Amino acid sequence: MTSLLDLLSTLISLVFLSILGLIAGVAIPGLFLAAAAPWLDTFLPTGPKR
């Protein structure tokens, strides 16, 4: 019974850490991309200057 509870707690923590990693993997690069967007626009323009 103890090993079953250990396995259950391990699975719960793995699910929690995977959700946390997914959020961090999307949110943190998005913050840097938003900060770097004006700088990148000078090197990689997407259209004609207005």
C-alpha atoms as a PDB file:
ATOM      1  CA  MET A   1       0.000   0.000   0.000  1.00  0.00           C
ATOM      2  CA  THR A   2       2.867   2.371   0.772  1.00  0.00           C
ATOM      3  CA  SER A   3       4.437   1.873  -2.639  1.00  0.00           C
ATOM      4  CA  LEU A   4       1.087   2.667  -4.283  1.00  0.00           C
ATOM      5  CA  LEU A   5       0.879   5.965  -2.422  1.00  0.00           C
ATOM      6  CA  ASP A   6       4.493   6.732  -3.356  1.00  0.00           C
ATOM      7  CA  LEU A   7       3.699   6.075  -6.994  1.00  0.00           C
ATOM      8  CA  LEU A   8       0.577   8.254  -6.803  1.00  0.00           C
ATOM      9  CA  SER A   9       2.461  11.160  -5.236  1.00  0.00           C
ATOM     10  CA  THR A  10       5.199  10.835  -7.852  1.00  0.00           C
ATOM     11  CA  LEU A  11       2.650  10.951 -10.664  1.00  0.00           C
ATOM     12  CA  ILE A  12       0.906  13.969  -9.157  1.00  0.00           C
ATOM     13  CA  SER A  13       4.211  15.846  -8.864  1.00  0.00           C
ATOM     14  CA  LEU A  14       5.188  14.940 -12.417  1.00  0.00           C
ATOM     15  CA  VAL A  15       1.884  16.269 -13.733  1.00  0.00           C
ATOM     16  CA  PHE A  16       2.293  19.456 -11.717  1.00  0.00           C
ATOM     17  CA  LEU A  17       5.867  19.966 -12.910  1.00  0.00           C
ATOM     18  CA  SER A  18       4.932  19.323 -16.531  1.00  0.00           C
ATOM     19  CA  ILE A  19       2.165  21.946 -16.354  1.00  0.00           C
ATOM     20  CA  LEU A  20       4.583  24.371 -14.721  1.00  0.00           C
ATOM     21  CA  GLY A  21       7.214  23.663 -17.364  1.00  0.00           C
ATOM     22  CA  LEU A  22       4.715  24.175 -20.158  1.00  0.00           C
ATOM     23  CA  ILE A  23       3.660  27.530 -18.748  1.00  0.00           C
ATOM     24  CA  ALA A  24       7.264  28.606 -18.229  1.00  0.00           C
ATOM     25  CA  GLY A  25       8.272  27.411 -21.686  1.00  0.00           C
ATOM     26  CA  VAL A  26       5.589  29.532 -23.329  1.00  0.00           C
ATOM     27  CA  ALA A  27       5.367  32.579 -21.063  1.00  0.00           C
ATOM     28  CA  ILE A  28       9.043  33.390 -20.470  1.00  0.00           C
ATOM     29  CA  PRO A  29      10.119  33.383 -24.147  1.00  0.00           C
ATOM     30  CA  GLY A  30       6.990  35.388 -24.960  1.00  0.00           C
ATOM     31  CA  LEU A  31       8.069  38.111 -22.546  1.00  0.00           C
ATOM     32  CA  PHE A  32      11.512  38.305 -24.115  1.00  0.00           C
ATOM     33  CA  LEU A  33      10.051  38.297 -27.613  1.00  0.00           C
ATOM     34  CA  ALA A  34       7.742  41.181 -26.748  1.00  0.00           C
ATOM     35  CA  ALA A  35      10.684  43.157 -25.387  1.00  0.00           C
ATOM     36  CA  ALA A  36      12.884  42.359 -28.391  1.00  0.00           C
ATOM     37  CA  ALA A  37      10.240  42.928 -31.095  1.00  0.00           C
ATOM     38  CA  PRO A  38      11.087  46.587 -31.873  1.00  0.00           C
ATOM     39  CA  TRP A  39      14.784  45.722 -32.010  1.00  0.00           C
ATOM     40  CA  LEU A  40      14.155  42.766 -34.302  1.00  0.00           C
ATOM     41  CA  ASP A  41      11.992  44.875 -36.605  1.00  0.00           C
ATOM     42  CA  THR A  42      15.010  46.946 -37.615  1.00  0.00           C
ATOM     43  CA  PHE A  43      16.836  43.828 -38.830  1.00  0.00           C
ATOM     44  CA  LEU A  44      13.922  41.777 -40.153  1.00  0.00           C
ATOM     45  CA  PRO A  45      11.264  44.171 -41.449  1.00  0.00           C
ATOM     46  CA  THR A  46       7.975  42.519 -42.335  1.00  0.00           C
ATOM     47  CA  GLY A  47       6.701  45.215 -44.648  1.00  0.00           C
ATOM     48  CA  PRO A  48       7.419  48.665 -46.070  1.00  0.00           C
ATOM     49  CA  LYS A  49       8.187  51.483 -43.667  1.00  0.00           C
ATOM     50  CA  ARG A  50       5.287  53.839 -43.007  1.00  0.00           C
END
